[in-house]
Amino acid sequence: MKNFLTLTFIILFSGSAFAGSCPMMAKKIDAKIAEAQELRDAGMNAHKSGDHAKSEELLNKALELFKG
């Protein structure tokens, strides 16, 4: 019975321990978004200046950030 109560408390209160990881996950997402935005802006500047190969390279790097 004692083991059952211990296990029950662990299950009930372990969710709050993982709740602290949400801000860390959000920061990782924000960092990827910022990096992707920089690559996108650089890619569009390369496109406007006529360097389409560089533009495609930069834009593909930005897209790769969201895969996997």
N, C-alpha and C. Protein backbone atom coordinates (compact mmCIF):
# COMPACT_ATOMS: atom_id res chain seq x y z
N MET A 1 0.83 -1.19 0.00
CA MET A 1 0.00 0.00 0.00
C MET A 1 0.87 1.26 0.00
N LYS A 2 1.95 1.21 0.76
CA LYS A 2 2.85 2.35 0.84
C LYS A 2 3.46 2.64 -0.54
N ASN A 3 3.83 1.60 -1.26
CA ASN A 3 4.39 1.77 -2.61
C ASN A 3 3.36 2.36 -3.56
N PHE A 4 2.12 1.94 -3.40
CA PHE A 4 1.05 2.48 -4.25
C PHE A 4 0.87 3.97 -4.04
N LEU A 5 0.88 4.40 -2.79
CA LEU A 5 0.73 5.83 -2.48
C LEU A 5 1.92 6.63 -3.00
N THR A 6 3.09 6.09 -2.84
CA THR A 6 4.29 6.77 -3.34
C THR A 6 4.22 6.92 -4.86
N LEU A 7 3.86 5.86 -5.54
CA LEU A 7 3.74 5.90 -6.99
C LEU A 7 2.67 6.88 -7.43
N THR A 8 1.56 6.92 -6.73
CA THR A 8 0.48 7.84 -7.06
C THR A 8 0.94 9.29 -6.93
N PHE A 9 1.64 9.62 -5.87
CA PHE A 9 2.14 10.99 -5.69
C PHE A 9 3.16 11.36 -6.77
N ILE A 10 4.00 10.42 -7.10
CA ILE A 10 5.00 10.68 -8.15
C ILE A 10 4.30 10.99 -9.48
N ILE A 11 3.31 10.21 -9.81
CA ILE A 11 2.59 10.41 -11.07
C ILE A 11 1.83 11.73 -11.07
N LEU A 12 1.18 12.04 -9.97
CA LEU A 12 0.38 13.27 -9.90
C LEU A 12 1.22 14.53 -9.95
N PHE A 13 2.40 14.51 -9.34
CA PHE A 13 3.19 15.74 -9.21
C PHE A 13 4.38 15.82 -10.16
N SER A 14 4.59 14.81 -10.96
CA SER A 14 5.72 14.87 -11.89
C SER A 14 5.43 15.81 -13.06
N GLY A 15 4.19 16.05 -13.39
CA GLY A 15 3.86 16.96 -14.48
C GLY A 15 4.30 18.38 -14.21
N SER A 16 4.22 18.80 -12.98
CA SER A 16 4.64 20.16 -12.64
C SER A 16 6.15 20.33 -12.77
N ALA A 17 6.90 19.27 -12.60
CA ALA A 17 8.36 19.34 -12.75
C ALA A 17 8.74 19.60 -14.20
N PHE A 18 7.99 19.04 -15.13
CA PHE A 18 8.28 19.22 -16.55
C PHE A 18 7.72 20.54 -17.07
N ALA A 19 6.84 21.18 -16.33
CA ALA A 19 6.25 22.44 -16.77
C ALA A 19 7.30 23.53 -16.88
N GLY A 20 8.38 23.43 -16.14
CA GLY A 20 9.45 24.42 -16.19
C GLY A 20 10.20 24.41 -17.49
N SER A 21 10.06 23.37 -18.29
CA SER A 21 10.77 23.30 -19.56
C SER A 21 10.09 24.10 -20.67
N CYS A 22 8.86 24.53 -20.46
CA CYS A 22 8.14 25.29 -21.49
C CYS A 22 8.86 26.58 -21.88
N PRO A 23 9.29 27.39 -20.93
CA PRO A 23 10.00 28.62 -21.31
C PRO A 23 11.30 28.33 -22.07
N MET A 24 11.98 27.25 -21.70
CA MET A 24 13.21 26.90 -22.41
C MET A 24 12.90 26.51 -23.86
N MET A 25 11.83 25.76 -24.03
CA MET A 25 11.43 25.36 -25.39
C MET A 25 11.04 26.58 -26.21
N ALA A 26 10.34 27.52 -25.60
CA ALA A 26 9.93 28.74 -26.29
C ALA A 26 11.15 29.55 -26.71
N LYS A 27 12.18 29.61 -25.86
CA LYS A 27 13.40 30.34 -26.20
C LYS A 27 14.10 29.70 -27.39
N LYS A 28 14.12 28.37 -27.45
CA LYS A 28 14.73 27.68 -28.59
C LYS A 28 13.98 28.01 -29.88
N ILE A 29 12.66 28.03 -29.79
CA ILE A 29 11.84 28.37 -30.97
C ILE A 29 12.11 29.81 -31.39
N ASP A 30 12.14 30.72 -30.42
CA ASP A 30 12.41 32.12 -30.73
C ASP A 30 13.76 32.30 -31.41
N ALA A 31 14.76 31.55 -30.95
CA ALA A 31 16.09 31.64 -31.54
C ALA A 31 16.08 31.16 -32.99
N LYS A 32 15.36 30.06 -33.24
CA LYS A 32 15.27 29.55 -34.61
C LYS A 32 14.52 30.53 -35.52
N ILE A 33 13.47 31.12 -34.99
CA ILE A 33 12.70 32.09 -35.77
C ILE A 33 13.58 33.29 -36.11
N ALA A 34 14.34 33.78 -35.14
CA ALA A 34 15.21 34.94 -35.38
C ALA A 34 16.29 34.60 -36.41
N GLU A 35 16.88 33.41 -36.31
CA GLU A 35 17.91 33.00 -37.26
C GLU A 35 17.31 32.84 -38.66
N ALA A 36 16.12 32.24 -38.72
CA ALA A 36 15.45 32.07 -40.01
C ALA A 36 15.11 33.42 -40.63
N GLN A 37 14.69 34.37 -39.82
CA GLN A 37 14.35 35.71 -40.31
C GLN A 37 15.59 36.40 -40.88
N GLU A 38 16.73 36.25 -40.19
CA GLU A 38 17.97 36.84 -40.69
C GLU A 38 18.37 36.23 -42.03
N LEU A 39 18.28 34.90 -42.12
CA LEU A 39 18.60 34.22 -43.38
C LEU A 39 17.63 34.63 -44.48
N ARG A 40 16.37 34.76 -44.14
CA ARG A 40 15.36 35.17 -45.12
C ARG A 40 15.66 36.57 -45.64
N ASP A 41 15.96 37.49 -44.72
CA ASP A 41 16.26 38.86 -45.13
C ASP A 41 17.50 38.92 -46.01
N ALA A 42 18.53 38.17 -45.61
CA ALA A 42 19.76 38.13 -46.42
C ALA A 42 19.48 37.50 -47.79
N GLY A 43 18.65 36.47 -47.81
CA GLY A 43 18.28 35.83 -49.07
C GLY A 43 17.52 36.76 -49.99
N MET A 44 16.61 37.51 -49.43
CA MET A 44 15.84 38.45 -50.25
C MET A 44 16.71 39.61 -50.74
N ASN A 45 17.67 40.04 -49.92
CA ASN A 45 18.61 41.07 -50.37
C ASN A 45 19.48 40.56 -51.51
N ALA A 46 19.91 39.31 -51.41
CA ALA A 46 20.69 38.70 -52.49
C ALA A 46 19.84 38.60 -53.75
N HIS A 47 18.59 38.27 -53.61
CA HIS A 47 17.67 38.18 -54.75
C HIS A 47 17.53 39.54 -55.43
N LYS A 48 17.32 40.57 -54.61
CA LYS A 48 17.15 41.93 -55.15
C LYS A 48 18.40 42.42 -55.87
N SER A 49 19.57 41.97 -55.40
CA SER A 49 20.81 42.40 -56.03
C SER A 49 21.18 41.53 -57.23
N GLY A 50 20.36 40.52 -57.50
CA GLY A 50 20.57 39.67 -58.68
C GLY A 50 21.37 38.41 -58.43
N ASP A 51 21.77 38.16 -57.21
CA ASP A 51 22.54 36.95 -56.89
C ASP A 51 21.57 35.86 -56.47
N HIS A 52 20.96 35.23 -57.48
CA HIS A 52 19.90 34.26 -57.21
C HIS A 52 20.44 32.95 -56.62
N ALA A 53 21.66 32.59 -56.96
CA ALA A 53 22.24 31.37 -56.38
C ALA A 53 22.43 31.55 -54.87
N LYS A 54 22.95 32.69 -54.47
CA LYS A 54 23.14 32.97 -53.05
C LYS A 54 21.79 33.07 -52.34
N SER A 55 20.82 33.68 -53.02
CA SER A 55 19.48 33.81 -52.47
C SER A 55 18.88 32.44 -52.17
N GLU A 56 18.97 31.54 -53.13
CA GLU A 56 18.42 30.19 -52.93
C GLU A 56 19.15 29.46 -51.81
N GLU A 57 20.47 29.63 -51.75
CA GLU A 57 21.26 28.98 -50.69
C GLU A 57 20.81 29.46 -49.31
N LEU A 58 20.67 30.76 -49.14
CA LEU A 58 20.27 31.32 -47.85
C LEU A 58 18.84 30.93 -47.48
N LEU A 59 17.94 30.99 -48.45
CA LEU A 59 16.55 30.63 -48.17
C LEU A 59 16.39 29.15 -47.85
N ASN A 60 17.18 28.32 -48.51
CA ASN A 60 17.15 26.88 -48.19
C ASN A 60 17.69 26.62 -46.79
N LYS A 61 18.71 27.37 -46.37
CA LYS A 61 19.22 27.24 -45.00
C LYS A 61 18.14 27.62 -44.00
N ALA A 62 17.38 28.66 -44.32
CA ALA A 62 16.30 29.07 -43.42
C ALA A 62 15.25 27.98 -43.31
N LEU A 63 14.91 27.37 -44.44
CA LEU A 63 13.91 26.30 -44.41
C LEU A 63 14.41 25.08 -43.64
N GLU A 64 15.70 24.80 -43.74
CA GLU A 64 16.27 23.63 -43.04
C GLU A 64 16.15 23.75 -41.53
N LEU A 65 16.09 24.97 -41.02
CA LEU A 65 15.97 25.15 -39.58
C LEU A 65 14.68 24.56 -39.03
N PHE A 66 13.68 24.45 -39.88
CA PHE A 66 12.37 23.97 -39.42
C PHE A 66 12.13 22.50 -39.71
N LYS A 67 13.12 21.84 -40.28
CA LYS A 67 12.99 20.41 -40.53
C LYS A 67 13.65 19.65 -39.40
N GLY A 68 13.12 18.48 -39.11
CA GLY A 68 13.72 17.59 -38.13
C GLY A 68 13.63 18.03 -36.79
